[in-house]
Amino acid sequence: MPPIDFNKLDTAVHGPVRLGVLTALQMDGPLDFTTLKKRLRVSDGSLGSHLQTLEDTGYIASKKAFVGRRPKTTYRLRPAGRKALADYLTAMRALLDAIETAKAPA
């Protein structure tokens, strides 16, 4: 059986919240903080931390604006984030295939 390469799993994508953010932005386009928070069912602090990580890696970008007197931050997926998500899913697909192959009867 060939070795399984876990090095292709991008740790910036791998966490459930970060994977959720990237997936939501890929599927729905730009989303604001409140929408992401509701969709992922996480606390403000947790989401903020993960969004900062994704922004620091260049996977997402944010735009701050005011709606009335309230601040509103909207996030969008950058090309690097789109590629990172696609690469991550490809690596996970390869792992799933390896598991399925290993389970196949001889």
C-alpha atoms as a PDB file:
ATOM      1  CA  MET A   1       0.000   0.000   0.000  1.00  0.00           C
ATOM      2  CA  PRO A   2       1.443   3.427  -0.923  1.00  0.00           C
ATOM      3  CA  PRO A   3       2.123   5.929   1.880  1.00  0.00           C
ATOM      4  CA  ILE A   4      -0.586   8.470   2.676  1.00  0.00           C
ATOM      5  CA  ASP A   5       0.596  12.050   2.259  1.00  0.00           C
ATOM      6  CA  PHE A   6      -0.889  14.229   4.997  1.00  0.00           C
ATOM      7  CA  ASN A   7       1.443  17.094   4.070  1.00  0.00           C
ATOM      8  CA  LYS A   8      -1.022  18.267   1.431  1.00  0.00           C
ATOM      9  CA  LEU A   9      -3.579  19.162   4.106  1.00  0.00           C
ATOM     10  CA  ASP A  10      -3.251  22.918   4.562  1.00  0.00           C
ATOM     11  CA  THR A  11      -3.531  23.557   8.300  1.00  0.00           C
ATOM     12  CA  ALA A  12      -4.929  27.043   7.638  1.00  0.00           C
ATOM     13  CA  VAL A  13      -7.891  25.357   5.917  1.00  0.00           C
ATOM     14  CA  HIS A  14      -8.130  22.174   7.987  1.00  0.00           C
ATOM     15  CA  GLY A  15      -9.878  23.532  11.092  1.00  0.00           C
ATOM     16  CA  PRO A  16     -13.665  23.081  11.045  1.00  0.00           C
ATOM     17  CA  VAL A  17     -14.470  26.791  11.420  1.00  0.00           C
ATOM     18  CA  ARG A  18     -11.948  27.906   8.804  1.00  0.00           C
ATOM     19  CA  LEU A  19     -13.114  25.169   6.432  1.00  0.00           C
ATOM     20  CA  GLY A  20     -16.681  26.320   7.082  1.00  0.00           C
ATOM     21  CA  VAL A  21     -15.818  29.942   6.319  1.00  0.00           C
ATOM     22  CA  LEU A  22     -14.069  29.075   3.059  1.00  0.00           C
ATOM     23  CA  THR A  23     -16.881  26.735   2.033  1.00  0.00           C
ATOM     24  CA  ALA A  24     -19.577  29.318   2.786  1.00  0.00           C
ATOM     25  CA  LEU A  25     -17.731  32.039   0.872  1.00  0.00           C
ATOM     26  CA  GLN A  26     -17.142  29.667  -2.063  1.00  0.00           C
ATOM     27  CA  MET A  27     -20.801  28.648  -2.215  1.00  0.00           C
ATOM     28  CA  ASP A  28     -22.510  31.967  -1.459  1.00  0.00           C
ATOM     29  CA  GLY A  29     -20.019  34.686  -2.340  1.00  0.00           C
ATOM     30  CA  PRO A  30     -19.226  37.569   0.023  1.00  0.00           C
ATOM     31  CA  LEU A  31     -20.851  37.318   3.457  1.00  0.00           C
ATOM     32  CA  ASP A  32     -20.895  39.594   6.471  1.00  0.00           C
ATOM     33  CA  PHE A  33     -19.667  38.657   9.936  1.00  0.00           C
ATOM     34  CA  THR A  34     -23.160  38.164  11.373  1.00  0.00           C
ATOM     35  CA  THR A  35     -24.221  35.843   8.565  1.00  0.00           C
ATOM     36  CA  LEU A  36     -21.060  33.746   8.954  1.00  0.00           C
ATOM     37  CA  LYS A  37     -21.545  33.615  12.712  1.00  0.00           C
ATOM     38  CA  LYS A  38     -25.115  32.355  12.354  1.00  0.00           C
ATOM     39  CA  ARG A  39     -24.240  29.909   9.591  1.00  0.00           C
ATOM     40  CA  LEU A  40     -21.328  28.366  11.502  1.00  0.00           C
ATOM     41  CA  ARG A  41     -22.888  28.651  14.972  1.00  0.00           C
ATOM     42  CA  VAL A  42     -19.749  29.974  16.670  1.00  0.00           C
ATOM     43  CA  SER A  43     -19.014  32.778  19.105  1.00  0.00           C
ATOM     44  CA  ASP A  44     -17.851  36.226  18.027  1.00  0.00           C
ATOM     45  CA  GLY A  45     -14.385  35.663  19.479  1.00  0.00           C
ATOM     46  CA  SER A  46     -13.885  32.273  17.878  1.00  0.00           C
ATOM     47  CA  LEU A  47     -15.061  33.431  14.457  1.00  0.00           C
ATOM     48  CA  GLY A  48     -12.991  36.612  14.681  1.00  0.00           C
ATOM     49  CA  SER A  49      -9.864  34.621  15.442  1.00  0.00           C
ATOM     50  CA  HIS A  50     -10.382  32.235  12.530  1.00  0.00           C
ATOM     51  CA  LEU A  51     -11.222  35.060  10.131  1.00  0.00           C
ATOM     52  CA  GLN A  52      -8.004  36.810  11.151  1.00  0.00           C
ATOM     53  CA  THR A  53      -6.007  33.642  10.445  1.00  0.00           C
ATOM     54  CA  LEU A  54      -7.578  33.330   6.988  1.00  0.00           C
ATOM     55  CA  GLU A  55      -6.973  37.001   6.301  1.00  0.00           C
ATOM     56  CA  ASP A  56      -3.339  36.748   7.431  1.00  0.00           C
ATOM     57  CA  THR A  57      -2.753  33.838   5.022  1.00  0.00           C
ATOM     58  CA  GLY A  58      -4.276  35.847   2.164  1.00  0.00           C
ATOM     59  CA  TYR A  59      -7.192  33.438   1.682  1.00  0.00           C
ATOM     60  CA  ILE A  60      -9.926  36.003   2.392  1.00  0.00           C
ATOM     61  CA  ALA A  61     -10.273  39.769   2.298  1.00  0.00           C
ATOM     62  CA  SER A  62     -12.488  41.999   4.403  1.00  0.00           C
ATOM     63  CA  LYS A  63     -14.251  45.254   3.704  1.00  0.00           C
ATOM     64  CA  LYS A  64     -15.429  47.427   6.557  1.00  0.00           C
ATOM     65  CA  ALA A  65     -18.330  49.824   6.120  1.00  0.00           C
ATOM     66  CA  PHE A  66     -21.060  51.458   8.144  1.00  0.00           C
ATOM     67  CA  VAL A  67     -24.729  50.700   7.682  1.00  0.00           C
ATOM     68  CA  GLY A  68     -26.391  53.593   9.397  1.00  0.00           C
ATOM     69  CA  ARG A  69     -24.323  53.943  12.545  1.00  0.00           C
ATOM     70  CA  ARG A  70     -23.416  50.263  12.789  1.00  0.00           C
ATOM     71  CA  PRO A  71     -20.162  48.795  11.523  1.00  0.00           C
ATOM     72  CA  LYS A  72     -20.478  45.947   9.041  1.00  0.00           C
ATOM     73  CA  THR A  73     -17.574  43.797   7.876  1.00  0.00           C
ATOM     74  CA  THR A  74     -18.002  41.719   4.756  1.00  0.00           C
ATOM     75  CA  TYR A  75     -15.632  38.914   3.788  1.00  0.00           C
ATOM     76  CA  ARG A  76     -14.864  37.530   0.363  1.00  0.00           C
ATOM     77  CA  LEU A  77     -12.772  34.655  -0.892  1.00  0.00           C
ATOM     78  CA  ARG A  78      -9.537  35.646  -2.630  1.00  0.00           C
ATOM     79  CA  PRO A  79      -8.066  33.602  -5.503  1.00  0.00           C
ATOM     80  CA  ALA A  80      -5.475  32.099  -3.122  1.00  0.00           C
ATOM     81  CA  GLY A  81      -8.287  30.973  -0.819  1.00  0.00           C
ATOM     82  CA  ARG A  82     -10.241  29.463  -3.684  1.00  0.00           C
ATOM     83  CA  LYS A  83      -7.123  27.502  -4.724  1.00  0.00           C
ATOM     84  CA  ALA A  84      -6.339  26.460  -1.141  1.00  0.00           C
ATOM     85  CA  LEU A  85      -9.879  25.118  -0.695  1.00  0.00           C
ATOM     86  CA  ALA A  86      -9.737  23.232  -4.005  1.00  0.00           C
ATOM     87  CA  ASP A  87      -6.313  21.765  -3.129  1.00  0.00           C
ATOM     88  CA  TYR A  88      -7.550  20.757   0.320  1.00  0.00           C
ATOM     89  CA  LEU A  89     -10.601  19.010  -1.116  1.00  0.00           C
ATOM     90  CA  THR A  90      -8.427  17.199  -3.667  1.00  0.00           C
ATOM     91  CA  ALA A  91      -6.132  15.987  -0.877  1.00  0.00           C
ATOM     92  CA  MET A  92      -9.119  14.832   1.195  1.00  0.00           C
ATOM     93  CA  ARG A  93     -10.550  13.039  -1.845  1.00  0.00           C
ATOM     94  CA  ALA A  94      -7.215  11.200  -2.243  1.00  0.00           C
ATOM     95  CA  LEU A  95      -7.317  10.181   1.438  1.00  0.00           C
ATOM     96  CA  LEU A  96     -10.886   8.927   1.077  1.00  0.00           C
ATOM     97  CA  ASP A  97      -9.904   6.946  -2.017  1.00  0.00           C
ATOM     98  CA  ALA A  98      -6.979   5.409  -0.116  1.00  0.00           C
ATOM     99  CA  ILE A  99      -9.320   4.368   2.710  1.00  0.00           C
ATOM    100  CA  GLU A 100     -11.836   2.885   0.277  1.00  0.00           C
ATOM    101  CA  THR A 101      -9.060   0.991  -1.514  1.00  0.00           C
ATOM    102  CA  ALA A 102      -7.724  -0.358   1.776  1.00  0.00           C
ATOM    103  CA  LYS A 103     -11.219  -1.570   2.771  1.00  0.00           C
ATOM    104  CA  ALA A 104     -11.767  -3.419  -0.509  1.00  0.00           C
ATOM    105  CA  PRO A 105     -11.734  -7.218  -0.063  1.00  0.00           C
ATOM    106  CA  ALA A 106      -8.756  -9.023  -1.511  1.00  0.00           C
END
